[in-house]
């Protein structure tokens, strides 16, 4: 949601419109009310699985993230 006043001091998280749209889709699937809840969910998922992520899996995730960012930014 865009800022309505300059008095709004909430921290801003910038991302491409494509990533934002994927966040919105996930938000609908999870039945959350805000993008912040989705990001918190993804962080909790990451925290839970961090120790189990192998180097090859990490490389794969990073490649997929890079590909997603490139595709969605067109």
Protein backbone atom coordinates (compact mmCIF):
# COMPACT_ATOMS: atom_id res chain seq x y z
CA UNK A 1 0.00 0.00 0.00
CA UNK A 2 1.50 3.39 -0.91
CA UNK A 3 2.37 5.90 1.75
CA UNK A 4 -0.35 8.49 2.30
CA UNK A 5 1.60 10.98 4.37
CA UNK A 6 5.19 11.88 5.02
CA UNK A 7 4.47 11.29 8.72
CA UNK A 8 4.36 7.55 8.05
CA UNK A 9 7.66 6.32 9.51
CA UNK A 10 7.24 2.58 8.99
CA UNK A 11 10.31 0.92 7.46
CA UNK A 12 9.98 0.26 3.77
CA UNK A 13 10.90 -2.97 2.04
CA UNK A 14 11.60 -2.43 -1.63
CA UNK A 15 11.17 -5.22 -4.14
CA UNK A 16 10.36 -5.57 -7.80
CA UNK A 17 6.74 -5.54 -8.90
CA UNK A 18 7.01 -9.17 -9.96
CA UNK A 19 8.20 -10.29 -6.55
CA UNK A 20 5.51 -8.15 -4.95
CA UNK A 21 2.86 -9.88 -7.06
CA UNK A 22 4.15 -13.29 -5.98
CA UNK A 23 3.98 -12.15 -2.35
CA UNK A 24 0.36 -11.11 -2.93
CA UNK A 25 -0.49 -14.51 -4.43
CA UNK A 26 1.08 -16.28 -1.47
CA UNK A 27 -0.77 -13.91 0.85
CA UNK A 28 -4.05 -15.10 -0.65
CA UNK A 29 -3.10 -18.76 -0.38
CA UNK A 30 -2.13 -18.34 3.27
CA UNK A 31 -5.20 -16.21 4.04
CA UNK A 32 -3.06 -13.45 5.56
CA UNK A 33 -4.07 -9.80 5.70
CA UNK A 34 -0.70 -8.19 5.04
CA UNK A 35 2.51 -8.67 3.11
CA UNK A 36 4.35 -8.41 6.42
CA UNK A 37 2.65 -11.59 7.65
CA UNK A 38 3.76 -13.42 4.50
CA UNK A 39 7.34 -12.26 4.91
CA UNK A 40 7.29 -13.28 8.59
CA UNK A 41 6.00 -16.71 7.53
CA UNK A 42 8.79 -17.08 4.97
CA UNK A 43 11.38 -16.04 7.56
CA UNK A 44 10.01 -18.59 10.05
CA UNK A 45 10.16 -21.26 7.34
CA UNK A 46 13.75 -20.27 6.55
CA UNK A 47 14.74 -20.24 10.23
CA UNK A 48 13.24 -23.70 10.70
CA UNK A 49 15.06 -25.19 7.73
CA UNK A 50 18.33 -23.21 7.71
CA UNK A 51 20.42 -25.89 9.42
CA UNK A 52 19.09 -28.55 7.02
CA UNK A 53 19.90 -26.68 3.81
CA UNK A 54 22.81 -28.29 2.00
CA UNK A 55 25.26 -26.29 -0.12
CA UNK A 56 23.84 -27.70 -3.39
CA UNK A 57 20.29 -26.83 -2.26
CA UNK A 58 21.41 -23.35 -1.24
CA UNK A 59 22.96 -22.85 -4.66
CA UNK A 60 19.75 -24.08 -6.33
CA UNK A 61 17.58 -21.72 -4.24
CA UNK A 62 19.83 -18.77 -5.05
CA UNK A 63 19.73 -19.59 -8.76
CA UNK A 64 15.94 -19.87 -8.67
CA UNK A 65 15.67 -16.57 -6.82
CA UNK A 66 17.92 -14.86 -9.35
CA UNK A 67 15.95 -16.33 -12.25
CA UNK A 68 12.65 -15.29 -10.67
CA UNK A 69 13.90 -11.76 -10.09
CA UNK A 70 15.12 -11.48 -13.69
CA UNK A 71 11.91 -12.92 -15.19
CA UNK A 72 9.58 -10.82 -13.10
CA UNK A 73 11.43 -7.58 -13.70
CA UNK A 74 10.67 -7.57 -17.43
